[in-house]
């Protein structure tokens, strides 16, 4: 009985891992397409917006040398999956006065981008 469970468990785990990898690839593609003109994932390399390296758990408005609106600097937000989802869906509703005008209304696309941004470092 146990021997029969191991192959099934291995297949389930590899399928879940493959799905996460595929979503991360899609997230990277979407990031490059939608976000990379203003943001980079390279630490210390700010563009119009701040770099998004090591984003998980970071206080909003806290990247040294990045230009932020007073509203985002004053926002009491810590970047995690839920906060990013809310912000990317509607930045100006989440932080009135932010200078970020671009939103990602599609939930699946947001989820993919967030998965890419919050993935563990290789």
PDB file of N, CA and C in Angstrom:
ATOM      1  N   UNK A   1       0.820  -1.196   0.000  1.00  0.00           N
ATOM      2  CA  UNK A   1       0.000   0.000   0.000  1.00  0.00           C
ATOM      3  C   UNK A   1       0.865   1.262   0.000  1.00  0.00           C
ATOM      4  N   UNK A   2       1.887   1.306   0.890  1.00  0.00           N
ATOM      5  CA  UNK A   2       2.751   2.475   0.973  1.00  0.00           C
ATOM      6  C   UNK A   2       3.540   2.666  -0.319  1.00  0.00           C
ATOM      7  N   UNK A   3       3.980   1.549  -0.924  1.00  0.00           N
ATOM      8  CA  UNK A   3       4.724   1.656  -2.176  1.00  0.00           C
ATOM      9  C   UNK A   3       3.889   2.300  -3.269  1.00  0.00           C
ATOM     10  N   UNK A   4       2.615   2.075  -3.259  1.00  0.00           N
ATOM     11  CA  UNK A   4       1.727   2.663  -4.257  1.00  0.00           C
ATOM     12  C   UNK A   4       1.567   4.167  -4.032  1.00  0.00           C
ATOM     13  N   UNK A   5       1.674   4.610  -2.793  1.00  0.00           N
ATOM     14  CA  UNK A   5       1.515   6.034  -2.500  1.00  0.00           C
ATOM     15  C   UNK A   5       2.721   6.860  -2.927  1.00  0.00           C
ATOM     16  N   UNK A   6       3.922   6.329  -2.812  1.00  0.00           N
ATOM     17  CA  UNK A   6       5.116   7.098  -3.139  1.00  0.00           C
ATOM     18  C   UNK A   6       5.145   7.596  -4.580  1.00  0.00           C
ATOM     19  N   UNK A   7       4.885   6.743  -5.573  1.00  0.00           N
ATOM     20  CA  UNK A   7       4.877   7.263  -6.949  1.00  0.00           C
ATOM     21  C   UNK A   7       3.805   8.340  -7.151  1.00  0.00           C
ATOM     22  N   UNK A   8       2.635   8.135  -6.560  1.00  0.00           N
ATOM     23  CA  UNK A   8       1.568   9.125  -6.697  1.00  0.00           C
ATOM     24  C   UNK A   8       1.971  10.443  -6.049  1.00  0.00           C
ATOM     25  N   UNK A   9       2.601  10.362  -4.886  1.00  0.00           N
ATOM     26  CA  UNK A   9       3.063  11.557  -4.189  1.00  0.00           C
ATOM     27  C   UNK A   9       4.163  12.253  -4.993  1.00  0.00           C
ATOM     28  N   UNK A  10       5.066  11.498  -5.553  1.00  0.00           N
ATOM     29  CA  UNK A  10       6.146  12.074  -6.364  1.00  0.00           C
ATOM     30  C   UNK A  10       5.586  12.789  -7.582  1.00  0.00           C
ATOM     31  N   UNK A  11       4.600  12.185  -8.228  1.00  0.00           N
ATOM     32  CA  UNK A  11       3.977  12.818  -9.398  1.00  0.00           C
ATOM     33  C   UNK A  11       3.261  14.095  -8.986  1.00  0.00           C
ATOM     34  N   UNK A  12       2.533  14.054  -7.891  1.00  0.00           N
ATOM     35  CA  UNK A  12       1.816  15.244  -7.418  1.00  0.00           C
ATOM     36  C   UNK A  12       2.783  16.364  -7.087  1.00  0.00           C
ATOM     37  N   UNK A  13       3.877  16.053  -6.420  1.00  0.00           N
ATOM     38  CA  UNK A  13       4.871  17.067  -6.054  1.00  0.00           C
ATOM     39  C   UNK A  13       5.544  17.641  -7.292  1.00  0.00           C
ATOM     40  N   UNK A  14       5.903  16.784  -8.248  1.00  0.00           N
ATOM     41  CA  UNK A  14       6.573  17.289  -9.442  1.00  0.00           C
ATOM     42  C   UNK A  14       5.611  18.109 -10.284  1.00  0.00           C
ATOM     43  N   UNK A  15       4.337  17.753 -10.307  1.00  0.00           N
ATOM     44  CA  UNK A  15       3.340  18.522 -11.037  1.00  0.00           C
ATOM     45  C   UNK A  15       3.160  19.893 -10.393  1.00  0.00           C
ATOM     46  N   UNK A  16       3.090  19.948  -9.072  1.00  0.00           N
ATOM     47  CA  UNK A  16       2.957  21.227  -8.369  1.00  0.00           C
ATOM     48  C   UNK A  16       4.193  22.076  -8.587  1.00  0.00           C
ATOM     49  N   UNK A  17       5.361  21.458  -8.528  1.00  0.00           N
ATOM     50  CA  UNK A  17       6.606  22.187  -8.769  1.00  0.00           C
ATOM     51  C   UNK A  17       6.670  22.725 -10.184  1.00  0.00           C
ATOM     52  N   UNK A  18       6.243  21.925 -11.139  1.00  0.00           N
ATOM     53  CA  UNK A  18       6.233  22.360 -12.532  1.00  0.00           C
ATOM     54  C   UNK A  18       5.253  23.508 -12.731  1.00  0.00           C
ATOM     55  N   UNK A  19       4.111  23.446 -12.070  1.00  0.00           N
ATOM     56  CA  UNK A  19       3.128  24.524 -12.182  1.00  0.00           C
ATOM     57  C   UNK A  19       3.681  25.819 -11.605  1.00  0.00           C
ATOM     58  N   UNK A  20       4.379  25.723 -10.444  1.00  0.00           N
ATOM     59  CA  UNK A  20       4.983  26.919  -9.851  1.00  0.00           C
ATOM     60  C   UNK A  20       6.064  27.489 -10.765  1.00  0.00           C
ATOM     61  N   UNK A  21       6.865  26.611 -11.357  1.00  0.00           N
ATOM     62  CA  UNK A  21       7.924  27.058 -12.260  1.00  0.00           C
ATOM     63  C   UNK A  21       7.328  27.737 -13.491  1.00  0.00           C
ATOM     64  N   UNK A  22       6.253  27.167 -14.021  1.00  0.00           N
ATOM     65  CA  UNK A  22       5.594  27.751 -15.188  1.00  0.00           C
ATOM     66  C   UNK A  22       5.003  29.113 -14.832  1.00  0.00           C
ATOM     67  N   UNK A  23       4.389  29.228 -13.643  1.00  0.00           N
ATOM     68  CA  UNK A  23       3.831  30.511 -13.210  1.00  0.00           C
ATOM     69  C   UNK A  23       4.943  31.540 -13.023  1.00  0.00           C
ATOM     70  N   UNK A  24       6.088  31.121 -12.470  1.00  0.00           N
ATOM     71  CA  UNK A  24       7.221  32.032 -12.291  1.00  0.00           C
ATOM     72  C   UNK A  24       7.735  32.506 -13.650  1.00  0.00           C
ATOM     73  N   UNK A  25       7.811  31.604 -14.630  1.00  0.00           N
ATOM     74  CA  UNK A  25       8.229  31.994 -15.976  1.00  0.00           C
ATOM     75  C   UNK A  25       7.254  33.003 -16.561  1.00  0.00           C
ATOM     76  N   UNK A  26       5.976  32.757 -16.384  1.00  0.00           N
ATOM     77  CA  UNK A  26       4.945  33.681 -16.868  1.00  0.00           C
ATOM     78  C   UNK A  26       5.057  35.008 -16.121  1.00  0.00           C
ATOM     79  N   UNK A  27       5.316  34.954 -14.822  1.00  0.00           N
ATOM     80  CA  UNK A  27       5.486  36.171 -14.031  1.00  0.00           C
ATOM     81  C   UNK A  27       6.669  36.993 -14.501  1.00  0.00           C
ATOM     82  N   UNK A  28       7.761  36.305 -14.827  1.00  0.00           N
ATOM     83  CA  UNK A  28       8.941  37.024 -15.337  1.00  0.00           C
ATOM     84  C   UNK A  28       8.625  37.679 -16.673  1.00  0.00           C
ATOM     85  N   UNK A  29       7.933  36.957 -17.547  1.00  0.00           N
ATOM     86  CA  UNK A  29       7.554  37.508 -18.851  1.00  0.00           C
ATOM     87  C   UNK A  29       6.666  38.736 -18.675  1.00  0.00           C
ATOM     88  N   UNK A  30       5.667  38.620 -17.805  1.00  0.00           N
ATOM     89  CA  UNK A  30       4.765  39.741 -17.554  1.00  0.00           C
ATOM     90  C   UNK A  30       5.481  40.916 -16.895  1.00  0.00           C
ATOM     91  N   UNK A  31       6.397  40.614 -15.969  1.00  0.00           N
ATOM     92  CA  UNK A  31       7.172  41.683 -15.337  1.00  0.00           C
ATOM     93  C   UNK A  31       7.948  42.453 -16.401  1.00  0.00           C
ATOM     94  N   UNK A  32       8.639  41.727 -17.268  1.00  0.00           N
ATOM     95  CA  UNK A  32       9.431  42.391 -18.318  1.00  0.00           C
ATOM     96  C   UNK A  32       8.536  43.206 -19.246  1.00  0.00           C
ATOM     97  N   UNK A  33       7.359  42.689 -19.532  1.00  0.00           N
ATOM     98  CA  UNK A  33       6.428  43.342 -20.440  1.00  0.00           C
ATOM     99  C   UNK A  33       5.747  44.551 -19.795  1.00  0.00           C
ATOM    100  N   UNK A  34       5.366  44.438 -18.540  1.00  0.00           N
ATOM    101  CA  UNK A  34       4.522  45.450 -17.910  1.00  0.00           C
ATOM    102  C   UNK A  34       5.227  46.361 -16.908  1.00  0.00           C
ATOM    103  N   UNK A  35       6.299  45.879 -16.291  1.00  0.00           N
ATOM    104  CA  UNK A  35       6.887  46.596 -15.150  1.00  0.00           C
ATOM    105  C   UNK A  35       8.306  47.105 -15.390  1.00  0.00           C
ATOM    106  N   UNK A  36       9.050  46.425 -16.277  1.00  0.00           N
ATOM    107  CA  UNK A  36      10.484  46.669 -16.400  1.00  0.00           C
ATOM    108  C   UNK A  36      10.846  48.036 -16.974  1.00  0.00           C
ATOM    109  N   UNK A  37       9.913  48.741 -17.566  1.00  0.00           N
ATOM    110  CA  UNK A  37      10.254  50.078 -18.048  1.00  0.00           C
ATOM    111  C   UNK A  37      10.456  51.040 -16.873  1.00  0.00           C
ATOM    112  N   UNK A  38       9.859  50.749 -15.731  1.00  0.00           N
ATOM    113  CA  UNK A  38       9.984  51.616 -14.546  1.00  0.00           C
ATOM    114  C   UNK A  38      10.751  50.965 -13.393  1.00  0.00           C
ATOM    115  N   UNK A  39      10.784  49.645 -13.341  1.00  0.00           N
ATOM    116  CA  UNK A  39      11.397  48.923 -12.216  1.00  0.00           C
ATOM    117  C   UNK A  39      12.396  47.890 -12.716  1.00  0.00           C
ATOM    118  N   UNK A  40      13.342  47.560 -11.862  1.00  0.00           N
ATOM    119  CA  UNK A  40      14.276  46.483 -12.124  1.00  0.00           C
ATOM    120  C   UNK A  40      14.265  45.542 -10.921  1.00  0.00           C
ATOM    121  N   UNK A  41      14.789  44.360 -11.104  1.00  0.00           N
ATOM    122  CA  UNK A  41      14.898  43.424  -9.980  1.00  0.00           C
ATOM    123  C   UNK A  41      16.345  43.338  -9.501  1.00  0.00           C
ATOM    124  N   UNK A  42      17.177  44.261  -9.957  1.00  0.00           N
ATOM    125  CA  UNK A  42      18.577  44.324  -9.545  1.00  0.00           C
ATOM    126  C   UNK A  42      18.716  45.293  -8.383  1.00  0.00           C
ATOM    127  N   UNK A  43      19.153  44.810  -7.241  1.00  0.00           N
ATOM    128  CA  UNK A  43      19.321  45.651  -6.058  1.00  0.00           C
ATOM    129  C   UNK A  43      20.211  46.849  -6.383  1.00  0.00           C
ATOM    130  N   UNK A  44      19.790  48.020  -5.905  1.00  0.00           N
ATOM    131  CA  UNK A  44      20.575  49.235  -6.070  1.00  0.00           C
ATOM    132  C   UNK A  44      20.408  49.917  -7.413  1.00  0.00           C
ATOM    133  N   UNK A  45      19.625  49.352  -8.304  1.00  0.00           N
ATOM    134  CA  UNK A  45      19.424  49.944  -9.628  1.00  0.00           C
ATOM    135  C   UNK A  45      18.009  50.483  -9.761  1.00  0.00           C
ATOM    136  N   UNK A  46      17.806  51.679  -9.271  1.00  0.00           N
ATOM    137  CA  UNK A  46      16.489  52.305  -9.374  1.00  0.00           C
ATOM    138  C   UNK A  46      16.302  52.907 -10.754  1.00  0.00           C
ATOM    139  N   UNK A  47      15.085  52.900 -11.205  1.00  0.00           N
ATOM    140  CA  UNK A  47      14.699  53.564 -12.455  1.00  0.00           C
ATOM    141  C   UNK A  47      13.708  54.651 -12.075  1.00  0.00           C
ATOM    142  N   UNK A  48      12.687  54.838 -12.854  1.00  0.00           N
ATOM    143  CA  UNK A  48      11.636  55.786 -12.483  1.00  0.00           C
ATOM    144  C   UNK A  48      11.048  55.360 -11.147  1.00  0.00           C
ATOM    145  N   UNK A  49      10.887  54.049 -10.984  1.00  0.00           N
ATOM    146  CA  UNK A  49      10.445  53.462  -9.720  1.00  0.00           C
ATOM    147  C   UNK A  49      11.610  52.756  -9.052  1.00  0.00           C
ATOM    148  N   UNK A  50      11.435  52.360  -7.814  1.00  0.00           N
ATOM    149  CA  UNK A  50      12.514  51.695  -7.073  1.00  0.00           C
ATOM    150  C   UNK A  50      12.772  50.282  -7.595  1.00  0.00           C
ATOM    151  N   UNK A  51      13.961  49.767  -7.309  1.00  0.00           N
ATOM    152  CA  UNK A  51      14.230  48.371  -7.634  1.00  0.00           C
ATOM    153  C   UNK A  51      13.312  47.497  -6.771  1.00  0.00           C
ATOM    154  N   UNK A  52      13.021  46.325  -7.261  1.00  0.00           N
ATOM    155  CA  UNK A  52      12.105  45.419  -6.563  1.00  0.00           C
ATOM    156  C   UNK A  52      12.803  44.152  -6.071  1.00  0.00           C
ATOM    157  N   UNK A  53      14.123  44.196  -5.951  1.00  0.00           N
ATOM    158  CA  UNK A  53      14.875  43.070  -5.393  1.00  0.00           C
ATOM    159  C   UNK A  53      14.592  42.970  -3.898  1.00  0.00           C
ATOM    160  N   UNK A  54      14.601  41.765  -3.366  1.00  0.00           N
ATOM    161  CA  UNK A  54      14.343  41.523  -1.941  1.00  0.00           C
ATOM    162  C   UNK A  54      13.102  42.289  -1.459  1.00  0.00           C
ATOM    163  N   UNK A  55      12.034  42.173  -2.200  1.00  0.00           N
ATOM    164  CA  UNK A  55      10.815  42.938  -1.940  1.00  0.00           C
ATOM    165  C   UNK A  55      10.025  42.420  -0.739  1.00  0.00           C
ATOM    166  N   UNK A  56       9.989  41.113  -0.548  1.00  0.00           N
ATOM    167  CA  UNK A  56       9.173  40.518   0.528  1.00  0.00           C
ATOM    168  C   UNK A  56       9.574  41.061   1.890  1.00  0.00           C
ATOM    169  N   UNK A  57       8.610  41.599   2.605  1.00  0.00           N
ATOM    170  CA  UNK A  57       8.838  42.098   3.958  1.00  0.00           C
ATOM    171  C   UNK A  57       9.407  43.501   4.028  1.00  0.00           C
ATOM    172  N   UNK A  58       9.639  44.122   2.891  1.00  0.00           N
ATOM    173  CA  UNK A  58      10.204  45.472   2.874  1.00  0.00           C
ATOM    174  C   UNK A  58       9.110  46.512   3.107  1.00  0.00           C
ATOM    175  N   UNK A  59       9.439  47.544   3.832  1.00  0.00           N
ATOM    176  CA  UNK A  59       8.525  48.658   4.083  1.00  0.00           C
ATOM    177  C   UNK A  59       8.398  49.473   2.791  1.00  0.00           C
ATOM    178  N   UNK A  60       7.177  49.819   2.416  1.00  0.00           N
ATOM    179  CA  UNK A  60       6.954  50.645   1.226  1.00  0.00           C
ATOM    180  C   UNK A  60       7.652  51.988   1.405  1.00  0.00           C
ATOM    181  N   UNK A  61       8.208  52.498   0.320  1.00  0.00           N
ATOM    182  CA  UNK A  61       8.839  53.811   0.355  1.00  0.00           C
ATOM    183  C   UNK A  61      10.191  53.844   1.032  1.00  0.00           C
ATOM    184  N   UNK A  62      10.873  52.715   1.110  1.00  0.00           N
ATOM    185  CA  UNK A  62      12.096  52.659   1.918  1.00  0.00           C
ATOM    186  C   UNK A  62      13.391  52.402   1.140  1.00  0.00           C
ATOM    187  N   UNK A  63      13.344  52.306  -0.176  1.00  0.00           N
ATOM    188  CA  UNK A  63      14.569  52.037  -0.937  1.00  0.00           C
ATOM    189  C   UNK A  63      15.396  53.322  -1.021  1.00  0.00           C
ATOM    190  N   UNK A  64      16.618  53.220  -0.566  1.00  0.00           N
ATOM    191  CA  UNK A  64      17.539  54.351  -0.577  1.00  0.00           C
ATOM    192  C   UNK A  64      17.763  54.841  -2.007  1.00  0.00           C
ATOM    193  N   UNK A  65      17.625  56.138  -2.204  1.00  0.00           N
ATOM    194  CA  UNK A  65      17.880  56.749  -3.503  1.00  0.00           C
ATOM    195  C   UNK A  65      16.712  56.710  -4.469  1.00  0.00           C
ATOM    196  N   UNK A  66      15.638  56.034  -4.133  1.00  0.00           N
ATOM    197  CA  UNK A  66      14.473  55.978  -5.023  1.00  0.00           C
ATOM    198  C   UNK A  66      13.597  57.209  -4.804  1.00  0.00           C
ATOM    199  N   UNK A  67      12.927  57.616  -5.875  1.00  0.00           N
ATOM    200  CA  UNK A  67      11.997  58.745  -5.781  1.00  0.00           C
ATOM    201  C   UNK A  67      10.610  58.207  -5.461  1.00  0.00           C
ATOM    202  N   UNK A  68      10.059  58.674  -4.362  1.00  0.00           N
ATOM    203  CA  UNK A  68       8.718  58.252  -3.944  1.00  0.00           C
ATOM    204  C   UNK A  68       7.838  59.475  -3.768  1.00  0.00           C
ATOM    205  N   UNK A  69       6.555  59.258  -3.927  1.00  0.00           N
ATOM    206  CA  UNK A  69       5.607  60.315  -3.587  1.00  0.00           C
ATOM    207  C   UNK A  69       5.574  60.423  -2.063  1.00  0.00           C
ATOM    208  N   UNK A  70       5.221  61.587  -1.539  1.00  0.00           N
ATOM    209  CA  UNK A  70       5.059  61.708  -0.084  1.00  0.00           C
ATOM    210  C   UNK A  70       4.040  60.691   0.442  1.00  0.00           C
ATOM    211  N   UNK A  71       3.000  60.406  -0.353  1.00  0.00           N
ATOM    212  CA  UNK A  71       1.966  59.457   0.074  1.00  0.00           C
ATOM    213  C   UNK A  71       2.542  58.053   0.281  1.00  0.00           C
ATOM    214  N   UNK A  72       3.394  57.603  -0.636  1.00  0.00           N
ATOM    215  CA  UNK A  72       3.954  56.256  -0.491  1.00  0.00           C
ATOM    216  C   UNK A  72       4.979  56.213   0.633  1.00  0.00           C
ATOM    217  N   UNK A  73       5.745  57.289   0.799  1.00  0.00           N
ATOM    218  CA  UNK A  73       6.703  57.334   1.917  1.00  0.00           C
ATOM    219  C   UNK A  73       5.977  57.246   3.257  1.00  0.00           C
ATOM    220  N   UNK A  74       4.787  57.842   3.328  1.00  0.00           N
ATOM    221  CA  UNK A  74       4.025  57.870   4.576  1.00  0.00           C
ATOM    222  C   UNK A  74       3.134  56.641   4.761  1.00  0.00           C
ATOM    223  N   UNK A  75       2.966  55.865   3.702  1.00  0.00           N
ATOM    224  CA  UNK A  75       2.074  54.699   3.784  1.00  0.00           C
ATOM    225  C   UNK A  75       2.648  53.672   4.755  1.00  0.00           C
ATOM    226  N   UNK A  76       1.789  53.110   5.546  1.00  0.00           N
ATOM    227  CA  UNK A  76       2.199  52.080   6.495  1.00  0.00           C
ATOM    228  C   UNK A  76       1.964  50.716   5.859  1.00  0.00           C
ATOM    229  N   UNK A  77       2.761  50.414   4.840  1.00  0.00           N
ATOM    230  CA  UNK A  77       2.609  49.158   4.106  1.00  0.00           C
ATOM    231  C   UNK A  77       3.912  48.372   4.144  1.00  0.00           C
ATOM    232  N   UNK A  78       3.779  47.089   4.329  1.00  0.00           N
ATOM    233  CA  UNK A  78       4.904  46.170   4.198  1.00  0.00           C
ATOM    234  C   UNK A  78       4.556  45.251   3.044  1.00  0.00           C
ATOM    235  N   UNK A  79       5.477  45.117   2.095  1.00  0.00           N
ATOM    236  CA  UNK A  79       5.194  44.341   0.891  1.00  0.00           C
ATOM    237  C   UNK A  79       5.171  42.837   1.182  1.00  0.00           C
ATOM    238  N   UNK A  80       3.998  42.275   0.947  1.00  0.00           N
ATOM    239  CA  UNK A  80       3.781  40.836   0.994  1.00  0.00           C
ATOM    240  C   UNK A  80       2.781  40.517  -0.107  1.00  0.00           C
ATOM    241  N   UNK A  81       2.385  39.291  -0.204  1.00  0.00           N
ATOM    242  CA  UNK A  81       1.496  38.882  -1.296  1.00  0.00           C
ATOM    243  C   UNK A  81       0.179  39.668  -1.299  1.00  0.00           C
ATOM    244  N   UNK A  82      -0.453  39.797  -0.148  1.00  0.00           N
ATOM    245  CA  UNK A  82      -1.753  40.479  -0.075  1.00  0.00           C
ATOM    246  C   UNK A  82      -1.616  41.970  -0.377  1.00  0.00           C
ATOM    247  N   UNK A  83      -0.590  42.608   0.174  1.00  0.00           N
ATOM    248  CA  UNK A  83      -0.399  44.041  -0.040  1.00  0.00           C
ATOM    249  C   UNK A  83      -0.075  44.322  -1.504  1.00  0.00           C
ATOM    250  N   UNK A  84       0.797  43.516  -2.087  1.00  0.00           N
ATOM    251  CA  UNK A  84       1.123  43.693  -3.500  1.00  0.00           C
ATOM    252  C   UNK A  84      -0.105  43.475  -4.378  1.00  0.00           C
ATOM    253  N   UNK A  85      -0.902  42.486  -4.053  1.00  0.00           N
ATOM    254  CA  UNK A  85      -2.105  42.214  -4.838  1.00  0.00           C
ATOM    255  C   UNK A  85      -3.034  43.430  -4.821  1.00  0.00           C
ATOM    256  N   UNK A  86      -3.262  43.977  -3.653  1.00  0.00           N
ATOM    257  CA  UNK A  86      -4.126  45.153  -3.507  1.00  0.00           C
ATOM    258  C   UNK A  86      -3.540  46.348  -4.267  1.00  0.00           C
ATOM    259  N   UNK A  87      -2.244  46.584  -4.071  1.00  0.00           N
ATOM    260  CA  UNK A  87      -1.597  47.738  -4.684  1.00  0.00           C
ATOM    261  C   UNK A  87      -1.570  47.630  -6.206  1.00  0.00           C
ATOM    262  N   UNK A  88      -1.181  46.473  -6.729  1.00  0.00           N
ATOM    263  CA  UNK A  88      -1.111  46.314  -8.181  1.00  0.00           C
ATOM    264  C   UNK A  88      -2.478  46.348  -8.847  1.00  0.00           C
ATOM    265  N   UNK A  89      -3.503  45.924  -8.135  1.00  0.00           N
ATOM    266  CA  UNK A  89      -4.857  45.972  -8.681  1.00  0.00           C
ATOM    267  C   UNK A  89      -5.324  47.413  -8.845  1.00  0.00           C
ATOM    268  N   UNK A  90      -4.941  48.277  -7.900  1.00  0.00           N
ATOM    269  CA  UNK A  90      -5.370  49.673  -7.953  1.00  0.00           C
ATOM    270  C   UNK A  90      -4.468  50.517  -7.051  1.00  0.00           C
ATOM    271  N   UNK A  91      -3.318  50.943  -7.569  1.00  0.00           N
ATOM    272  CA  UNK A  91      -2.366  51.684  -6.728  1.00  0.00           C
ATOM    273  C   UNK A  91      -2.950  52.937  -6.089  1.00  0.00           C
ATOM    274  N   UNK A  92      -3.702  53.687  -6.839  1.00  0.00           N
ATOM    275  CA  UNK A  92      -4.219  54.959  -6.312  1.00  0.00           C
ATOM    276  C   UNK A  92      -5.321  54.785  -5.287  1.00  0.00           C
ATOM    277  N   UNK A  93      -6.021  53.672  -5.316  1.00  0.00           N
ATOM    278  CA  UNK A  93      -7.012  53.405  -4.267  1.00  0.00           C
ATOM    279  C   UNK A  93      -6.316  52.897  -3.014  1.00  0.00           C
ATOM    280  N   UNK A  94      -5.222  52.154  -3.185  1.00  0.00           N
ATOM    281  CA  UNK A  94      -4.488  51.610  -2.043  1.00  0.00           C
ATOM    282  C   UNK A  94      -3.688  52.697  -1.342  1.00  0.00           C
ATOM    283  N   UNK A  95      -3.044  53.560  -2.135  1.00  0.00           N
ATOM    284  CA  UNK A  95      -2.250  54.664  -1.583  1.00  0.00           C
ATOM    285  C   UNK A  95      -2.638  55.937  -2.340  1.00  0.00           C
ATOM    286  N   UNK A  96      -3.691  56.605  -1.895  1.00  0.00           N
ATOM    287  CA  UNK A  96      -4.084  57.855  -2.553  1.00  0.00           C
ATOM    288  C   UNK A  96      -2.900  58.834  -2.558  1.00  0.00           C
ATOM    289  N   UNK A  97      -2.602  59.363  -3.738  1.00  0.00           N
ATOM    290  CA  UNK A  97      -1.485  60.279  -3.873  1.00  0.00           C
ATOM    291  C   UNK A  97      -0.219  59.636  -4.416  1.00  0.00           C
ATOM    292  N   UNK A  98      -0.227  58.314  -4.621  1.00  0.00           N
ATOM    293  CA  UNK A  98       0.942  57.672  -5.204  1.00  0.00           C
ATOM    294  C   UNK A  98       1.136  58.152  -6.637  1.00  0.00           C
ATOM    295  N   UNK A  99       2.359  58.127  -7.089  1.00  0.00           N
ATOM    296  CA  UNK A  99       2.620  58.516  -8.473  1.00  0.00           C
ATOM    297  C   UNK A  99       2.545  57.322  -9.417  1.00  0.00           C
ATOM    298  N   UNK A 100       2.402  56.124  -8.876  1.00  0.00           N
ATOM    299  CA  UNK A 100       2.260  54.946  -9.740  1.00  0.00           C
ATOM    300  C   UNK A 100       0.843  54.922 -10.287  1.00  0.00           C
ATOM    301  N   UNK A 101       0.747  55.007 -11.596  1.00  0.00           N
ATOM    302  CA  UNK A 101      -0.568  55.049 -12.234  1.00  0.00           C
ATOM    303  C   UNK A 101      -0.935  53.737 -12.903  1.00  0.00           C
ATOM    304  N   UNK A 102       0.043  52.886 -13.154  1.00  0.00           N
ATOM    305  CA  UNK A 102      -0.180  51.634 -13.866  1.00  0.00           C
ATOM    306  C   UNK A 102      -0.775  50.594 -12.929  1.00  0.00           C
ATOM    307  N   UNK A 103      -1.822  49.915 -13.369  1.00  0.00           N
ATOM    308  CA  UNK A 103      -2.426  48.844 -12.572  1.00  0.00           C
ATOM    309  C   UNK A 103      -2.476  47.563 -13.397  1.00  0.00           C
ATOM    310  N   UNK A 104      -2.686  46.467 -12.705  1.00  0.00           N
ATOM    311  CA  UNK A 104      -2.822  45.158 -13.359  1.00  0.00           C
ATOM    312  C   UNK A 104      -4.161  44.584 -12.901  1.00  0.00           C
ATOM    313  N   UNK A 105      -5.208  44.854 -13.640  1.00  0.00           N
ATOM    314  CA  UNK A 105      -6.542  44.417 -13.208  1.00  0.00           C
ATOM    315  C   UNK A 105      -6.764  42.906 -13.278  1.00  0.00           C
ATOM    316  N   UNK A 106      -5.997  42.208 -14.129  1.00  0.00           N
ATOM    317  CA  UNK A 106      -6.184  40.769 -14.291  1.00  0.00           C
ATOM    318  C   UNK A 106      -5.562  40.020 -13.108  1.00  0.00           C
ATOM    319  N   UNK A 107      -6.401  39.321 -12.345  1.00  0.00           N
ATOM    320  CA  UNK A 107      -5.955  38.634 -11.133  1.00  0.00           C
ATOM    321  C   UNK A 107      -4.881  37.575 -11.406  1.00  0.00           C
ATOM    322  N   UNK A 108      -5.043  36.793 -12.459  1.00  0.00           N
ATOM    323  CA  UNK A 108      -4.060  35.748 -12.773  1.00  0.00           C
ATOM    324  C   UNK A 108      -2.705  36.366 -13.130  1.00  0.00           C
ATOM    325  N   UNK A 109      -2.719  37.452 -13.857  1.00  0.00           N
ATOM    326  CA  UNK A 109      -1.477  38.128 -14.199  1.00  0.00           C
ATOM    327  C   UNK A 109      -0.806  38.720 -12.963  1.00  0.00           C
ATOM    328  N   UNK A 110      -1.605  39.335 -12.084  1.00  0.00           N
ATOM    329  CA  UNK A 110      -1.050  39.858 -10.829  1.00  0.00           C
ATOM    330  C   UNK A 110      -0.412  38.745 -10.025  1.00  0.00           C
ATOM    331  N   UNK A 111      -1.109  37.623  -9.904  1.00  0.00           N
ATOM    332  CA  UNK A 111      -0.613  36.481  -9.133  1.00  0.00           C
ATOM    333  C   UNK A 111       0.724  35.992  -9.708  1.00  0.00           C
ATOM    334  N   UNK A 112       0.830  35.944 -11.029  1.00  0.00           N
ATOM    335  CA  UNK A 112       2.074  35.506 -11.661  1.00  0.00           C
ATOM    336  C   UNK A 112       3.205  36.493 -11.397  1.00  0.00           C
ATOM    337  N   UNK A 113       2.946  37.768 -11.532  1.00  0.00           N
ATOM    338  CA  UNK A 113       3.975  38.782 -11.285  1.00  0.00           C
ATOM    339  C   UNK A 113       4.398  38.763  -9.822  1.00  0.00           C
ATOM    340  N   UNK A 114       3.441  38.676  -8.928  1.00  0.00           N
ATOM    341  CA  UNK A 114       3.753  38.637  -7.494  1.00  0.00           C
ATOM    342  C   UNK A 114       4.574  37.392  -7.167  1.00  0.00           C
ATOM    343  N   UNK A 115       4.208  36.258  -7.743  1.00  0.00           N
ATOM    344  CA  UNK A 115       4.989  35.034  -7.533  1.00  0.00           C
ATOM    345  C   UNK A 115       6.424  35.204  -7.998  1.00  0.00           C
ATOM    346  N   UNK A 116       6.605  35.876  -9.122  1.00  0.00           N
ATOM    347  CA  UNK A 116       7.950  36.146  -9.633  1.00  0.00           C
ATOM    348  C   UNK A 116       8.709  37.075  -8.682  1.00  0.00           C
ATOM    349  N   UNK A 117       8.067  38.144  -8.241  1.00  0.00           N
ATOM    350  CA  UNK A 117       8.741  39.119  -7.372  1.00  0.00           C
ATOM    351  C   UNK A 117       9.073  38.553  -5.997  1.00  0.00           C
ATOM    352  N   UNK A 118       8.230  37.664  -5.477  1.00  0.00           N
ATOM    353  CA  UNK A 118       8.435  37.154  -4.128  1.00  0.00           C
ATOM    354  C   UNK A 118       9.129  35.800  -4.097  1.00  0.00           C
ATOM    355  N   UNK A 119       9.547  35.306  -5.235  1.00  0.00           N
ATOM    356  CA  UNK A 119      10.218  34.005  -5.275  1.00  0.00           C
ATOM    357  C   UNK A 119      11.510  34.060  -4.463  1.00  0.00           C
ATOM    358  N   UNK A 120      11.902  32.953  -3.881  1.00  0.00           N
ATOM    359  CA  UNK A 120      13.177  32.918  -3.151  1.00  0.00           C
ATOM    360  C   UNK A 120      14.339  33.176  -4.103  1.00  0.00           C
ATOM    361  N   UNK A 121      15.358  33.821  -3.605  1.00  0.00           N
ATOM    362  CA  UNK A 121      16.551  34.081  -4.416  1.00  0.00           C
ATOM    363  C   UNK A 121      17.207  32.762  -4.793  1.00  0.00           C
ATOM    364  N   UNK A 122      17.719  32.676  -6.035  1.00  0.00           N
ATOM    365  CA  UNK A 122      18.350  31.427  -6.476  1.00  0.00           C
ATOM    366  C   UNK A 122      19.645  31.140  -5.728  1.00  0.00           C
TER     367      UNK A 122
END
